[in-house]
């Protein structure tokens, strides 16, 4: 082979090897620089942590313990306050005794309603919402809550009677968790609610007194969750306007035809110039009498039909909450 050709081939191969080595060295240097930067960053973080006081230290542990104790004391104080407003569950009551309490409670309330003048739409069938237990016994584990709910319902309905309710057309108690048709468990582990639904009729004053009494009751906690009120008077009393000086016209009505005197008739009778006795006399001659029923509407004496959903609310004690809280699972570790 010609020496020149050999040298040329050797030079080309050598150049390719040098270029490849340079590219590999350059790319490796970039990776080296990146790894070195990451190492320096981690070393810096470690040195920074080493200069700080490790957590938890004594001061932090004591501060945390003080906050936990303060919170625990506040919860205990709240629990003691709640005990003065609600009685504990009777866990010793048998289901047969509860059934007898329901029967006596029904009889007592029927008598109280009759004495207070409140009509029950289904007086002979009314069972305070415990219709299922008129002839059957409840599950023993549900008796404490059912007994608590029974007392709360009796207190609620007696309040309605004492407030002046005139009639009650329906009363329904929602099943509590564990009863047929009820939820599997309570939504909250701290506050339990037992809803009841009632529909009654009464005056505005009786309705107002009933709601105010529930809001300030110190025997049970009641929450009015749904409230629908229908007034028997769907329209207000007719009023005529545009009298002298912008005053309202007096209202006269024909007792037979129920016709209301128009402003033109009032003018014919001398309204604006005649005295009130003269005006009344002229109206009487025309077969009209002065209508004073506006005050009945304006003063709130009409009847109201009311539908309410009331949550009987019970706050659990710390002992009950602890008893319902499942114990944490302990993981078992095997030995080799």
Protein backbone atom coordinates (compact mmCIF):
# COMPACT_ATOMS: atom_id res chain seq x y z
CA UNK A 1 0.00 0.00 0.00
CA UNK A 2 1.28 3.48 -0.80
CA UNK A 3 2.63 5.14 2.32
CA UNK A 4 0.79 8.36 1.61
CA UNK A 5 -2.56 6.62 1.41
CA UNK A 6 -1.81 4.76 4.63
CA UNK A 7 -0.93 7.96 6.43
CA UNK A 8 -4.10 9.63 5.15
CA UNK A 9 -6.30 6.79 6.40
CA UNK A 10 -4.49 6.75 9.73
CA UNK A 11 -4.96 10.50 10.10
CA UNK A 12 -8.69 10.27 9.40
CA UNK A 13 -9.16 7.44 11.90
CA UNK A 14 -7.13 9.28 14.52
CA UNK A 15 -9.20 12.43 14.00
CA UNK A 16 -12.44 10.52 14.44
CA UNK A 17 -11.15 8.89 17.63
CA UNK A 18 -10.06 12.26 19.03
CA UNK A 19 -13.42 13.91 18.18
CA UNK A 20 -15.37 11.03 19.75
CA UNK A 21 -13.25 11.13 22.89
CA UNK A 22 -13.73 14.90 23.13
CA UNK A 23 -17.55 14.64 22.79
CA UNK A 24 -17.72 11.88 25.41
CA UNK A 25 -15.50 13.87 27.77
CA UNK A 26 -17.65 17.00 27.28
CA UNK A 27 -20.96 15.18 27.95
CA UNK A 28 -19.51 13.37 30.95
CA UNK A 29 -18.25 16.66 32.36
CA UNK A 30 -21.79 18.11 32.17
CA UNK A 31 -23.19 15.15 34.13
CA UNK A 32 -20.34 15.46 36.61
CA UNK A 33 -21.04 19.16 37.12
CA UNK A 34 -24.77 18.48 37.67
CA UNK A 35 -24.05 15.67 40.17
CA UNK A 36 -21.51 17.87 41.99
CA UNK A 37 -24.05 20.72 42.24
CA UNK A 38 -26.68 18.33 43.67
CA UNK A 39 -24.16 17.01 46.17
CA UNK A 40 -23.18 20.51 47.29
CA UNK A 41 -26.89 21.38 47.75
CA UNK A 42 -27.52 18.32 49.91
CA UNK A 43 -24.40 18.95 51.95
CA UNK A 44 -25.55 22.54 52.49
CA UNK A 45 -29.00 21.35 53.65
CA UNK A 46 -27.44 18.85 56.05
CA UNK A 47 -25.09 21.50 57.48
CA UNK A 48 -28.05 23.91 57.86
CA UNK A 49 -30.09 21.28 59.72
CA UNK A 50 -27.13 20.42 61.93
CA UNK A 51 -26.88 24.06 63.01
CA UNK A 52 -30.60 24.17 64.03
CA UNK A 53 -32.08 22.94 67.32
CA UNK A 54 -33.58 19.50 66.75
CA UNK A 55 -37.47 19.26 67.07
CA UNK A 56 -39.13 18.48 69.38
CA UNK A 57 -37.13 20.15 72.07
CA UNK A 58 -38.19 20.55 75.68
CA UNK A 59 -39.78 23.97 75.24
CA UNK A 60 -41.82 22.92 72.22
CA UNK A 61 -42.98 19.72 73.94
CA UNK A 62 -44.13 21.68 77.00
CA UNK A 63 -45.94 24.27 74.83
CA UNK A 64 -47.73 21.49 72.94
CA UNK A 65 -48.73 19.76 76.18
CA UNK A 66 -50.11 23.07 77.51
CA UNK A 67 -52.25 23.58 74.38
CA UNK A 68 -53.56 20.01 74.50
CA UNK A 69 -54.47 20.40 78.19
CA UNK A 70 -56.19 23.73 77.54
CA UNK A 71 -58.25 22.17 74.74
CA UNK A 72 -59.10 19.15 76.88
CA UNK A 73 -60.22 21.39 79.76
CA UNK A 74 -62.44 23.40 77.41
CA UNK A 75 -64.08 20.23 76.05
CA UNK A 76 -64.64 18.95 79.59
CA UNK A 77 -66.19 22.28 80.65
CA UNK A 78 -68.50 22.24 77.61
CA UNK A 79 -69.52 18.66 78.36
CA UNK A 80 -70.36 19.54 81.97
CA UNK A 81 -72.45 22.51 80.78
CA UNK A 82 -74.36 20.30 78.35
CA UNK A 83 -75.13 17.82 81.13
CA UNK A 84 -77.15 20.52 82.87
CA UNK A 85 -79.36 20.86 79.77
CA UNK A 86 -79.86 17.23 78.82
CA UNK A 87 -80.20 14.07 80.84
CA UNK A 88 -77.98 11.02 80.23
CA UNK A 89 -79.37 7.97 78.50
CA UNK A 90 -81.10 5.40 80.68
CA UNK A 91 -79.09 2.28 79.82
CA UNK A 92 -80.83 0.08 82.41
CA UNK A 93 -84.35 0.38 80.98
CA UNK A 94 -85.82 -2.86 79.61
CA UNK A 95 -87.73 -2.92 76.34
CA UNK A 96 -90.90 -4.07 78.12
CA UNK A 97 -90.70 -1.07 80.46
CA UNK A 98 -90.22 1.23 77.46
CA UNK A 99 -93.34 -0.16 75.80
CA UNK A 100 -95.33 0.61 78.95
CA UNK A 101 -93.89 4.14 79.00
CA UNK A 102 -95.09 4.66 75.44
CA UNK A 103 -98.62 3.55 76.29
CA UNK A 104 -98.78 5.78 79.37
CA UNK A 105 -97.24 8.71 77.48
CA UNK A 106 -99.86 8.40 74.74
CA UNK A 107 -102.72 8.36 77.26
CA UNK A 108 -101.31 11.32 79.19
CA UNK A 109 -100.83 13.41 76.05
CA UNK A 110 -104.30 12.66 74.69
CA UNK A 111 -105.72 13.85 78.01
CA UNK A 112 -103.49 16.96 78.00
CA UNK A 113 -104.50 17.80 74.41
CA UNK A 114 -108.19 17.43 75.24
CA UNK A 115 -107.83 19.60 78.34
CA UNK A 116 -105.85 22.23 76.42
CA UNK A 117 -108.39 22.35 73.60
CA UNK A 118 -106.11 20.96 70.88
CA UNK A 119 -107.83 18.59 68.48
CA UNK A 120 -105.97 15.50 67.22
CA UNK A 121 -106.94 14.42 63.71
CA UNK A 122 -106.30 10.76 64.56
CA UNK A 123 -106.78 10.79 68.32
CA UNK A 124 -107.65 7.11 68.56
CA UNK A 125 -104.60 6.08 66.52
CA UNK A 126 -102.09 8.64 67.73
CA UNK A 127 -99.04 6.93 69.29
CA UNK A 128 -96.52 9.80 69.64
CA UNK A 129 -94.73 8.45 66.56
CA UNK A 130 -94.04 5.06 68.17
CA UNK A 131 -96.74 3.14 66.27
CA UNK A 132 -94.36 0.21 65.64
CA UNK A 133 -94.08 -0.47 69.37
CA UNK A 134 -97.77 -0.50 70.22
CA UNK A 135 -97.77 -4.30 69.92
CA UNK A 136 -94.10 -5.22 69.44
CA UNK A 137 -90.98 -4.74 71.54
CA UNK A 138 -88.02 -2.68 70.32
CA UNK A 139 -84.49 -4.03 70.13
CA UNK A 140 -82.86 -3.73 73.61
CA UNK A 141 -79.85 -1.81 72.27
CA UNK A 142 -82.17 0.90 70.85
CA UNK A 143 -84.20 1.40 74.04
CA UNK A 144 -81.96 4.08 75.67
CA UNK A 145 -82.18 6.37 72.63
CA UNK A 146 -85.87 5.65 72.02
CA UNK A 147 -86.66 6.46 75.65
CA UNK A 148 -84.77 9.76 75.37
CA UNK A 149 -86.64 10.56 72.15
CA UNK A 150 -89.98 9.69 73.78
CA UNK A 151 -89.47 12.22 76.56
CA UNK A 152 -88.35 14.87 74.05
CA UNK A 153 -91.45 14.30 71.89
CA UNK A 154 -93.78 14.48 74.90
CA UNK A 155 -92.14 17.74 75.97
CA UNK A 156 -92.34 19.14 72.42
CA UNK A 157 -96.04 18.38 71.96
CA UNK A 158 -97.00 19.56 75.45
CA UNK A 159 -95.27 22.84 74.57
CA UNK A 160 -97.49 23.08 71.48
CA UNK A 161 -100.61 22.51 73.57
CA UNK A 162 -99.52 25.07 76.18
CA UNK A 163 -98.76 27.58 73.41
CA UNK A 164 -102.36 27.48 72.22
CA UNK A 165 -102.23 25.13 69.22
CA UNK A 166 -105.78 24.44 68.06
CA UNK A 167 -105.33 21.20 66.11
CA UNK A 168 -102.63 18.81 64.92
CA UNK A 169 -103.31 17.01 61.66
CA UNK A 170 -100.17 14.86 61.46
CA UNK A 171 -97.10 13.82 63.43
CA UNK A 172 -94.36 11.55 62.09
CA UNK A 173 -91.16 10.36 63.77
CA UNK A 174 -88.25 9.47 61.49
CA UNK A 175 -86.66 6.07 62.28
CA UNK A 176 -83.43 6.35 64.23
CA UNK A 177 -80.31 4.45 63.07
CA UNK A 178 -80.86 0.75 63.71
CA UNK A 179 -84.65 0.84 63.27
CA UNK A 180 -86.29 -0.52 60.09
CA UNK A 181 -86.08 2.21 57.47
CA UNK A 182 -83.41 4.11 59.37
CA UNK A 183 -79.77 4.76 58.52
CA UNK A 184 -77.06 2.28 59.46
CA UNK A 185 -75.32 4.79 61.71
CA UNK A 186 -75.43 8.43 62.78
CA UNK A 187 -73.84 10.96 60.43
CA UNK A 188 -71.92 12.59 63.28
CA UNK A 189 -70.04 10.96 66.13
CA UNK A 190 -70.53 13.95 68.44
CA UNK A 191 -74.03 15.34 67.69
CA UNK A 192 -76.99 13.00 67.12
CA UNK A 193 -80.26 14.24 65.62
CA UNK A 194 -83.67 12.57 65.73
CA UNK A 195 -86.08 14.34 63.30
CA UNK A 196 -89.84 14.60 63.80
CA UNK A 197 -92.39 16.15 61.44
CA UNK A 198 -95.59 17.82 62.60
CA UNK A 199 -98.40 19.79 61.01
CA UNK A 200 -100.70 21.92 63.15
CA UNK A 201 -103.07 24.87 63.04
CA UNK A 202 -103.25 27.87 65.35
CA UNK A 203 -103.22 31.62 65.65
CA UNK A 204 -100.21 33.80 64.96
CA UNK A 205 -99.71 34.34 68.69
CA UNK A 206 -99.71 30.59 69.43
CA UNK A 207 -97.25 29.94 66.59
CA UNK A 208 -94.93 32.70 67.77
CA UNK A 209 -95.07 31.48 71.38
CA UNK A 210 -94.35 27.89 70.30
CA UNK A 211 -91.27 28.81 68.24
CA UNK A 212 -89.90 31.15 70.91
CA UNK A 213 -90.36 28.48 73.59
CA UNK A 214 -88.47 25.90 71.50
CA UNK A 215 -85.65 28.36 70.88
CA UNK A 216 -85.22 28.99 74.62
CA UNK A 217 -85.97 25.51 75.94
CA UNK A 218 -83.57 24.32 78.64
CA UNK A 219 -84.76 20.73 78.90
CA UNK A 220 -84.03 19.52 75.38
CA UNK A 221 -82.22 20.90 72.35
CA UNK A 222 -84.60 21.48 69.43
CA UNK A 223 -83.55 22.67 65.98
CA UNK A 224 -86.31 23.85 63.63
CA UNK A 225 -84.83 22.65 60.33
CA UNK A 226 -87.84 23.13 58.01
CA UNK A 227 -90.69 25.61 58.48
CA UNK A 228 -93.62 26.22 56.12
CA UNK A 229 -96.44 28.58 57.10
CA UNK A 230 -99.68 29.07 55.17
CA UNK A 231 -102.05 31.88 56.12
CA UNK A 232 -105.77 31.16 55.88
CA UNK A 233 -106.20 34.69 54.48
CA UNK A 234 -104.43 34.49 51.14
CA UNK A 235 -105.38 38.10 50.30
CA UNK A 236 -105.20 41.17 52.45
CA UNK A 237 -108.22 43.24 53.27
CA UNK A 238 -109.31 45.60 50.49
CA UNK A 239 -108.31 49.20 51.13
CA UNK A 240 -109.42 52.25 49.21
CA UNK A 241 -106.94 55.10 48.79
CA UNK A 242 -107.10 58.62 47.53
CA UNK A 243 -109.26 60.35 50.12
CA UNK A 244 -109.00 64.05 51.01
CA UNK A 245 -105.46 65.03 51.83
CA UNK A 246 -104.17 61.65 50.65
CA UNK A 247 -105.89 59.78 53.49
CA UNK A 248 -107.45 56.33 53.01
CA UNK A 249 -111.19 56.11 52.35
CA UNK A 250 -113.33 54.57 55.10
CA UNK A 251 -114.62 51.12 54.21
CA UNK A 252 -118.35 50.40 53.97
CA UNK A 253 -119.79 47.07 52.83
CA UNK A 254 -123.21 45.69 51.95
CA UNK A 255 -123.74 42.71 54.32
CA UNK A 256 -125.89 40.85 51.77
CA UNK A 257 -124.02 41.41 48.49
CA UNK A 258 -120.55 41.93 50.08
CA UNK A 259 -120.18 44.96 47.80
CA UNK A 260 -117.67 47.53 48.99
CA UNK A 261 -118.70 51.16 48.63
CA UNK A 262 -116.78 52.95 45.89
CA UNK A 263 -115.21 56.40 46.34
CA UNK A 264 -118.05 57.82 44.20
CA UNK A 265 -120.68 56.46 46.61
CA UNK A 266 -118.76 57.87 49.56
CA UNK A 267 -118.74 61.27 47.88
CA UNK A 268 -122.50 61.05 47.33
CA UNK A 269 -122.95 60.34 51.03
CA UNK A 270 -120.99 63.49 51.88
CA UNK A 271 -117.56 62.05 52.63
CA UNK A 272 -115.13 64.91 53.21
CA UNK A 273 -117.79 67.39 54.35
CA UNK A 274 -120.18 65.39 56.53
CA UNK A 275 -119.35 64.22 60.04
CA UNK A 276 -118.69 60.54 60.67
CA UNK A 277 -122.12 59.89 62.27
CA UNK A 278 -123.79 61.61 59.28
CA UNK A 279 -121.72 59.52 56.86
CA UNK A 280 -122.61 56.28 58.67
CA UNK A 281 -126.30 57.23 58.62
CA UNK A 282 -126.23 57.93 54.86
CA UNK A 283 -124.46 54.61 54.23
CA UNK A 284 -127.01 52.75 56.35
CA UNK A 285 -129.84 54.23 54.30
CA UNK A 286 -128.15 52.79 51.19
CA UNK A 287 -127.81 49.38 52.83
CA UNK A 288 -124.12 49.64 53.75
CA UNK A 289 -122.45 49.30 57.14
CA UNK A 290 -118.98 50.25 58.24
CA UNK A 291 -116.57 47.31 57.84
CA UNK A 292 -114.04 46.99 60.67
CA UNK A 293 -112.60 43.57 59.77
CA UNK A 294 -109.38 45.17 58.48
CA UNK A 295 -108.09 45.10 62.05
CA UNK A 296 -108.58 41.34 62.21
CA UNK A 297 -106.09 40.88 59.38
CA UNK A 298 -103.69 43.61 60.36
CA UNK A 299 -103.45 42.47 63.97
CA UNK A 300 -102.55 38.87 63.05
CA UNK A 301 -105.69 37.17 64.36
CA UNK A 302 -106.10 34.91 61.32
CA UNK A 303 -105.30 31.20 61.52
CA UNK A 304 -102.03 29.66 60.32
CA UNK A 305 -101.37 26.18 58.95
CA UNK A 306 -97.83 25.23 59.94
CA UNK A 307 -95.57 22.38 58.86
CA UNK A 308 -92.30 21.87 60.76
CA UNK A 309 -89.39 19.47 60.77
CA UNK A 310 -87.77 19.60 64.21
CA UNK A 311 -84.48 17.87 65.00
CA UNK A 312 -84.31 16.57 68.56
CA UNK A 313 -80.60 17.04 69.17
CA UNK A 314 -78.39 15.24 71.66
CA UNK A 315 -74.72 15.96 72.32
CA UNK A 316 -72.65 12.92 73.21
CA UNK A 317 -70.44 12.91 76.27
CA UNK A 318 -66.65 12.38 75.91
CA UNK A 319 -67.12 8.89 77.37
CA UNK A 320 -69.68 7.98 74.69
CA UNK A 321 -67.48 9.35 71.92
CA UNK A 322 -64.48 7.42 73.24
CA UNK A 323 -66.52 4.22 73.46
CA UNK A 324 -67.60 4.60 69.83
CA UNK A 325 -64.10 5.36 68.55
CA UNK A 326 -62.44 2.19 67.21
CA UNK A 327 -59.08 1.27 68.68
CA UNK A 328 -56.12 1.79 66.30
CA UNK A 329 -54.90 -1.41 64.69
CA UNK A 330 -51.51 -2.63 65.85
CA UNK A 331 -49.42 -3.88 62.97
CA UNK A 332 -47.73 -7.18 63.64
CA UNK A 333 -44.14 -7.54 62.51
CA UNK A 334 -42.65 -10.96 61.91
CA UNK A 335 -39.19 -12.01 63.01
CA UNK A 336 -36.64 -13.57 60.76
